Amino acid sequence: MMRLTSDIRNRDIALDYLAKLRKNQLRERLVAERLEYQREFIEMVERWNARDFSAKWRTALSLRHV
């Protein structure tokens, strides 16, 4: 998940920079890559939600009384 969010953010930063340089062809490629990473991220979150990921972590991390 962290890799995907980093890849998305890296594209955002590059796109902001390239907007100033008017590098449209490169911008188009970065937009396409960003959308692909965003799609992968959404799919990952949906899979985790389907498996009730947060409930499993809450259970695993809860402190047991001795």
PDB file of N, CA and C in Angstrom:
ATOM      1  N   MET A   1       0.827  -1.176   0.000  1.00  0.00           N
ATOM      2  CA  MET A   1       0.000   0.000   0.000  1.00  0.00           C
ATOM      3  C   MET A   1       0.879   1.250   0.000  1.00  0.00           C
ATOM      4  N   MET A   2       1.929   1.242   0.801  1.00  0.00           N
ATOM      5  CA  MET A   2       2.805   2.413   0.873  1.00  0.00           C
ATOM      6  C   MET A   2       3.488   2.661  -0.475  1.00  0.00           C
ATOM      7  N   ARG A   3       3.867   1.591  -1.161  1.00  0.00           N
ATOM      8  CA  ARG A   3       4.503   1.759  -2.473  1.00  0.00           C
ATOM      9  C   ARG A   3       3.533   2.423  -3.441  1.00  0.00           C
ATOM     10  N   LEU A   4       2.288   1.977  -3.428  1.00  0.00           N
ATOM     11  CA  LEU A   4       1.310   2.548  -4.354  1.00  0.00           C
ATOM     12  C   LEU A   4       1.036   4.015  -4.044  1.00  0.00           C
ATOM     13  N   THR A   5       0.876   4.349  -2.775  1.00  0.00           N
ATOM     14  CA  THR A   5       0.621   5.748  -2.444  1.00  0.00           C
ATOM     15  C   THR A   5       1.845   6.617  -2.767  1.00  0.00           C
ATOM     16  N   SER A   6       3.042   6.065  -2.595  1.00  0.00           N
ATOM     17  CA  SER A   6       4.257   6.807  -2.966  1.00  0.00           C
ATOM     18  C   SER A   6       4.327   7.022  -4.468  1.00  0.00           C
ATOM     19  N   ASP A   7       3.988   5.990  -5.241  1.00  0.00           N
ATOM     20  CA  ASP A   7       3.999   6.114  -6.695  1.00  0.00           C
ATOM     21  C   ASP A   7       2.985   7.157  -7.167  1.00  0.00           C
ATOM     22  N   ILE A   8       1.833   7.187  -6.543  1.00  0.00           N
ATOM     23  CA  ILE A   8       0.812   8.180  -6.902  1.00  0.00           C
ATOM     24  C   ILE A   8       1.334   9.579  -6.583  1.00  0.00           C
ATOM     25  N   ARG A   9       1.857   9.769  -5.375  1.00  0.00           N
ATOM     26  CA  ARG A   9       2.356  11.077  -4.960  1.00  0.00           C
ATOM     27  C   ARG A   9       3.537  11.528  -5.812  1.00  0.00           C
ATOM     28  N   ASN A  10       4.431  10.614  -6.171  1.00  0.00           N
ATOM     29  CA  ASN A  10       5.560  10.970  -7.029  1.00  0.00           C
ATOM     30  C   ASN A  10       5.077  11.514  -8.364  1.00  0.00           C
ATOM     31  N   ARG A  11       4.017  10.903  -8.919  1.00  0.00           N
ATOM     32  CA  ARG A  11       3.468  11.397 -10.186  1.00  0.00           C
ATOM     33  C   ARG A  11       2.849  12.774  -9.999  1.00  0.00           C
ATOM     34  N   ASP A  12       2.174  12.993  -8.875  1.00  0.00           N
ATOM     35  CA  ASP A  12       1.589  14.309  -8.605  1.00  0.00           C
ATOM     36  C   ASP A  12       2.669  15.392  -8.583  1.00  0.00           C
ATOM     37  N   ILE A  13       3.774  15.099  -7.911  1.00  0.00           N
ATOM     38  CA  ILE A  13       4.867  16.068  -7.819  1.00  0.00           C
ATOM     39  C   ILE A  13       5.466  16.335  -9.199  1.00  0.00           C
ATOM     40  N   ALA A  14       5.714  15.269  -9.952  1.00  0.00           N
ATOM     41  CA  ALA A  14       6.275  15.426 -11.300  1.00  0.00           C
ATOM     42  C   ALA A  14       5.323  16.198 -12.206  1.00  0.00           C
ATOM     43  N   LEU A  15       4.039  15.921 -12.096  1.00  0.00           N
ATOM     44  CA  LEU A  15       3.062  16.627 -12.930  1.00  0.00           C
ATOM     45  C   LEU A  15       3.017  18.116 -12.599  1.00  0.00           C
ATOM     46  N   ASP A  16       3.115  18.455 -11.335  1.00  0.00           N
ATOM     47  CA  ASP A  16       3.157  19.871 -10.949  1.00  0.00           C
ATOM     48  C   ASP A  16       4.384  20.556 -11.550  1.00  0.00           C
ATOM     49  N   TYR A  17       5.512  19.877 -11.482  1.00  0.00           N
ATOM     50  CA  TYR A  17       6.752  20.429 -12.028  1.00  0.00           C
ATOM     51  C   TYR A  17       6.658  20.583 -13.544  1.00  0.00           C
ATOM     52  N   LEU A  18       6.158  19.555 -14.228  1.00  0.00           N
ATOM     53  CA  LEU A  18       6.095  19.576 -15.685  1.00  0.00           C
ATOM     54  C   LEU A  18       5.062  20.574 -16.214  1.00  0.00           C
ATOM     55  N   ALA A  19       4.071  20.898 -15.419  1.00  0.00           N
ATOM     56  CA  ALA A  19       3.072  21.886 -15.841  1.00  0.00           C
ATOM     57  C   ALA A  19       3.756  23.224 -16.118  1.00  0.00           C
ATOM     58  N   LYS A  20       4.776  23.536 -15.350  1.00  0.00           N
ATOM     59  CA  LYS A  20       5.513  24.781 -15.531  1.00  0.00           C
ATOM     60  C   LYS A  20       6.378  24.751 -16.791  1.00  0.00           C
ATOM     61  N   LEU A  21       6.806  23.548 -17.194  1.00  0.00           N
ATOM     62  CA  LEU A  21       7.688  23.404 -18.359  1.00  0.00           C
ATOM     63  C   LEU A  21       6.928  23.142 -19.658  1.00  0.00           C
ATOM     64  N   ARG A  22       5.650  22.879 -19.544  1.00  0.00           N
ATOM     65  CA  ARG A  22       4.801  22.590 -20.705  1.00  0.00           C
ATOM     66  C   ARG A  22       5.277  21.354 -21.486  1.00  0.00           C
ATOM     67  N   LYS A  23       5.628  20.322 -20.780  1.00  0.00           N
ATOM     68  CA  LYS A  23       6.052  19.050 -21.375  1.00  0.00           C
ATOM     69  C   LYS A  23       4.836  18.129 -21.477  1.00  0.00           C
ATOM     70  N   ASN A  24       3.985  18.350 -22.466  1.00  0.00           N
ATOM     71  CA  ASN A  24       2.698  17.670 -22.554  1.00  0.00           C
ATOM     72  C   ASN A  24       2.799  16.171 -22.801  1.00  0.00           C
ATOM     73  N   GLN A  25       3.724  15.747 -23.645  1.00  0.00           N
ATOM     74  CA  GLN A  25       3.824  14.312 -23.943  1.00  0.00           C
ATOM     75  C   GLN A  25       4.210  13.526 -22.688  1.00  0.00           C
ATOM     76  N   LEU A  26       5.159  14.025 -21.959  1.00  0.00           N
ATOM     77  CA  LEU A  26       5.576  13.365 -20.725  1.00  0.00           C
ATOM     78  C   LEU A  26       4.458  13.418 -19.688  1.00  0.00           C
ATOM     79  N   ARG A  27       3.758  14.551 -19.638  1.00  0.00           N
ATOM     80  CA  ARG A  27       2.626  14.687 -18.706  1.00  0.00           C
ATOM     81  C   ARG A  27       1.566  13.628 -18.983  1.00  0.00           C
ATOM     82  N   GLU A  28       1.267  13.382 -20.254  1.00  0.00           N
ATOM     83  CA  GLU A  28       0.257  12.378 -20.605  1.00  0.00           C
ATOM     84  C   GLU A  28       0.649  11.003 -20.086  1.00  0.00           C
ATOM     85  N   ARG A  29       1.922  10.661 -20.237  1.00  0.00           N
ATOM     86  CA  ARG A  29       2.392   9.365 -19.747  1.00  0.00           C
ATOM     87  C   ARG A  29       2.285   9.283 -18.233  1.00  0.00           C
ATOM     88  N   LEU A  30       2.675  10.350 -17.532  1.00  0.00           N
ATOM     89  CA  LEU A  30       2.606  10.356 -16.073  1.00  0.00           C
ATOM     90  C   LEU A  30       1.159  10.284 -15.579  1.00  0.00           C
ATOM     91  N   VAL A  31       0.258  10.962 -16.253  1.00  0.00           N
ATOM     92  CA  VAL A  31      -1.157  10.894 -15.878  1.00  0.00           C
ATOM     93  C   VAL A  31      -1.662   9.465 -16.026  1.00  0.00           C
ATOM     94  N   ALA A  32      -1.301   8.812 -17.123  1.00  0.00           N
ATOM     95  CA  ALA A  32      -1.722   7.422 -17.342  1.00  0.00           C
ATOM     96  C   ALA A  32      -1.149   6.506 -16.262  1.00  0.00           C
ATOM     97  N   GLU A  33       0.127   6.682 -15.926  1.00  0.00           N
ATOM     98  CA  GLU A  33       0.749   5.865 -14.881  1.00  0.00           C
ATOM     99  C   GLU A  33       0.072   6.112 -13.535  1.00  0.00           C
ATOM    100  N   ARG A  34      -0.187   7.378 -13.234  1.00  0.00           N
ATOM    101  CA  ARG A  34      -0.822   7.719 -11.964  1.00  0.00           C
ATOM    102  C   ARG A  34      -2.195   7.067 -11.856  1.00  0.00           C
ATOM    103  N   LEU A  35      -2.962   7.111 -12.923  1.00  0.00           N
ATOM    104  CA  LEU A  35      -4.293   6.493 -12.917  1.00  0.00           C
ATOM    105  C   LEU A  35      -4.202   4.984 -12.703  1.00  0.00           C
ATOM    106  N   GLU A  36      -3.188   4.352 -13.276  1.00  0.00           N
ATOM    107  CA  GLU A  36      -3.004   2.911 -13.091  1.00  0.00           C
ATOM    108  C   GLU A  36      -2.668   2.597 -11.633  1.00  0.00           C
ATOM    109  N   TYR A  37      -1.752   3.355 -11.031  1.00  0.00           N
ATOM    110  CA  TYR A  37      -1.423   3.142  -9.619  1.00  0.00           C
ATOM    111  C   TYR A  37      -2.638   3.410  -8.731  1.00  0.00           C
ATOM    112  N   GLN A  38      -3.398   4.429  -9.081  1.00  0.00           N
ATOM    113  CA  GLN A  38      -4.606   4.738  -8.312  1.00  0.00           C
ATOM    114  C   GLN A  38      -5.601   3.575  -8.386  1.00  0.00           C
ATOM    115  N   ARG A  39      -5.762   2.999  -9.581  1.00  0.00           N
ATOM    116  CA  ARG A  39      -6.657   1.855  -9.751  1.00  0.00           C
ATOM    117  C   ARG A  39      -6.187   0.680  -8.900  1.00  0.00           C
ATOM    118  N   GLU A  40      -4.882   0.400  -8.915  1.00  0.00           N
ATOM    119  CA  GLU A  40      -4.331  -0.694  -8.111  1.00  0.00           C
ATOM    120  C   GLU A  40      -4.573  -0.449  -6.625  1.00  0.00           C
ATOM    121  N   PHE A  41      -4.387   0.793  -6.185  1.00  0.00           N
ATOM    122  CA  PHE A  41      -4.589   1.139  -4.783  1.00  0.00           C
ATOM    123  C   PHE A  41      -6.056   0.915  -4.383  1.00  0.00           C
ATOM    124  N   ILE A  42      -6.972   1.377  -5.196  1.00  0.00           N
ATOM    125  CA  ILE A  42      -8.397   1.196  -4.900  1.00  0.00           C
ATOM    126  C   ILE A  42      -8.752  -0.283  -4.828  1.00  0.00           C
ATOM    127  N   GLU A  43      -8.230  -1.076  -5.752  1.00  0.00           N
ATOM    128  CA  GLU A  43      -8.484  -2.519  -5.721  1.00  0.00           C
ATOM    129  C   GLU A  43      -7.947  -3.140  -4.439  1.00  0.00           C
ATOM    130  N   MET A  44      -6.762  -2.720  -4.000  1.00  0.00           N
ATOM    131  CA  MET A  44      -6.176  -3.265  -2.783  1.00  0.00           C
ATOM    132  C   MET A  44      -7.043  -2.923  -1.571  1.00  0.00           C
ATOM    133  N   VAL A  45      -7.477  -1.689  -1.483  1.00  0.00           N
ATOM    134  CA  VAL A  45      -8.315  -1.276  -0.360  1.00  0.00           C
ATOM    135  C   VAL A  45      -9.632  -2.047  -0.367  1.00  0.00           C
ATOM    136  N   GLU A  46     -10.204  -2.235  -1.536  1.00  0.00           N
ATOM    137  CA  GLU A  46     -11.456  -2.996  -1.629  1.00  0.00           C
ATOM    138  C   GLU A  46     -11.263  -4.443  -1.188  1.00  0.00           C
ATOM    139  N   ARG A  47     -10.133  -5.053  -1.568  1.00  0.00           N
ATOM    140  CA  ARG A  47      -9.855  -6.436  -1.126  1.00  0.00           C
ATOM    141  C   ARG A  47      -9.710  -6.491   0.386  1.00  0.00           C
ATOM    142  N   TRP A  48      -9.005  -5.525   0.969  1.00  0.00           N
ATOM    143  CA  TRP A  48      -8.827  -5.502   2.419  1.00  0.00           C
ATOM    144  C   TRP A  48     -10.155  -5.305   3.120  1.00  0.00           C
ATOM    145  N   ASN A  49     -10.988  -4.440   2.599  1.00  0.00           N
ATOM    146  CA  ASN A  49     -12.306  -4.220   3.193  1.00  0.00           C
ATOM    147  C   ASN A  49     -13.158  -5.479   3.106  1.00  0.00           C
ATOM    148  N   ALA A  50     -13.059  -6.190   2.013  1.00  0.00           N
ATOM    149  CA  ALA A  50     -13.842  -7.410   1.836  1.00  0.00           C
ATOM    150  C   ALA A  50     -13.427  -8.475   2.845  1.00  0.00           C
ATOM    151  N   ARG A  51     -12.176  -8.476   3.244  1.00  0.00           N
ATOM    152  CA  ARG A  51     -11.675  -9.460   4.208  1.00  0.00           C
ATOM    153  C   ARG A  51     -11.787  -8.960   5.641  1.00  0.00           C
ATOM    154  N   ASP A  52     -12.394  -7.785   5.816  1.00  0.00           N
ATOM    155  CA  ASP A  52     -12.529  -7.167   7.137  1.00  0.00           C
ATOM    156  C   ASP A  52     -11.158  -7.049   7.800  1.00  0.00           C
ATOM    157  N   PHE A  53     -10.230  -6.502   7.045  1.00  0.00           N
ATOM    158  CA  PHE A  53      -8.840  -6.379   7.453  1.00  0.00           C
ATOM    159  C   PHE A  53      -8.677  -5.654   8.790  1.00  0.00           C
ATOM    160  N   SER A  54      -9.380  -4.537   8.965  1.00  0.00           N
ATOM    161  CA  SER A  54      -9.185  -3.759  10.187  1.00  0.00           C
ATOM    162  C   SER A  54      -9.653  -4.519  11.422  1.00  0.00           C
ATOM    163  N   ALA A  55     -10.728  -5.295  11.297  1.00  0.00           N
ATOM    164  CA  ALA A  55     -11.197  -6.073  12.449  1.00  0.00           C
ATOM    165  C   ALA A  55     -10.166  -7.126  12.842  1.00  0.00           C
ATOM    166  N   LYS A  56      -9.541  -7.745  11.858  1.00  0.00           N
ATOM    167  CA  LYS A  56      -8.512  -8.746  12.152  1.00  0.00           C
ATOM    168  C   LYS A  56      -7.322  -8.101  12.866  1.00  0.00           C
ATOM    169  N   TRP A  57      -6.923  -6.918  12.437  1.00  0.00           N
ATOM    170  CA  TRP A  57      -5.812  -6.231  13.085  1.00  0.00           C
ATOM    171  C   TRP A  57      -6.187  -5.805  14.490  1.00  0.00           C
ATOM    172  N   ARG A  58      -7.390  -5.305  14.671  1.00  0.00           N
ATOM    173  CA  ARG A  58      -7.801  -4.902  16.020  1.00  0.00           C
ATOM    174  C   ARG A  58      -7.758  -6.099  16.957  1.00  0.00           C
ATOM    175  N   THR A  59      -8.215  -7.242  16.491  1.00  0.00           N
ATOM    176  CA  THR A  59      -8.201  -8.450  17.300  1.00  0.00           C
ATOM    177  C   THR A  59      -6.758  -8.884  17.585  1.00  0.00           C
ATOM    178  N   ALA A  60      -5.935  -8.869  16.566  1.00  0.00           N
ATOM    179  CA  ALA A  60      -4.549  -9.319  16.725  1.00  0.00           C
ATOM    180  C   ALA A  60      -3.757  -8.385  17.640  1.00  0.00           C
ATOM    181  N   LEU A  61      -4.071  -7.121  17.628  1.00  0.00           N
ATOM    182  CA  LEU A  61      -3.307  -6.155  18.409  1.00  0.00           C
ATOM    183  C   LEU A  61      -3.861  -5.910  19.823  1.00  0.00           C
ATOM    184  N   SER A  62      -5.021  -6.433  20.090  1.00  0.00           N
ATOM    185  CA  SER A  62      -5.610  -6.195  21.413  1.00  0.00           C
ATOM    186  C   SER A  62      -4.771  -6.860  22.490  1.00  0.00           C
ATOM    187  N   LEU A  63      -4.725  -6.212  23.629  1.00  0.00           N
ATOM    188  CA  LEU A  63      -3.943  -6.754  24.754  1.00  0.00           C
ATOM    189  C   LEU A  63      -4.785  -7.801  25.478  1.00  0.00           C
ATOM    190  N   ARG A  64      -4.153  -8.879  25.781  1.00  0.00           N
ATOM    191  CA  ARG A  64      -4.834  -9.957  26.517  1.00  0.00           C
ATOM    192  C   ARG A  64      -4.524  -9.796  27.994  1.00  0.00           C
ATOM    193  N   HIS A  65      -5.546  -9.966  28.798  1.00  0.00           N
ATOM    194  CA  HIS A  65      -5.333  -9.904  30.249  1.00  0.00           C
ATOM    195  C   HIS A  65      -4.733 -11.202  30.729  1.00  0.00           C
ATOM    196  N   VAL A  66      -3.731 -11.082  31.566  1.00  0.00           N
ATOM    197  CA  VAL A  66      -3.025 -12.268  32.084  1.00  0.00           C
ATOM    198  C   VAL A  66      -3.636 -12.713  33.375  1.00  0.00           C
TER     199      VAL A  66
END
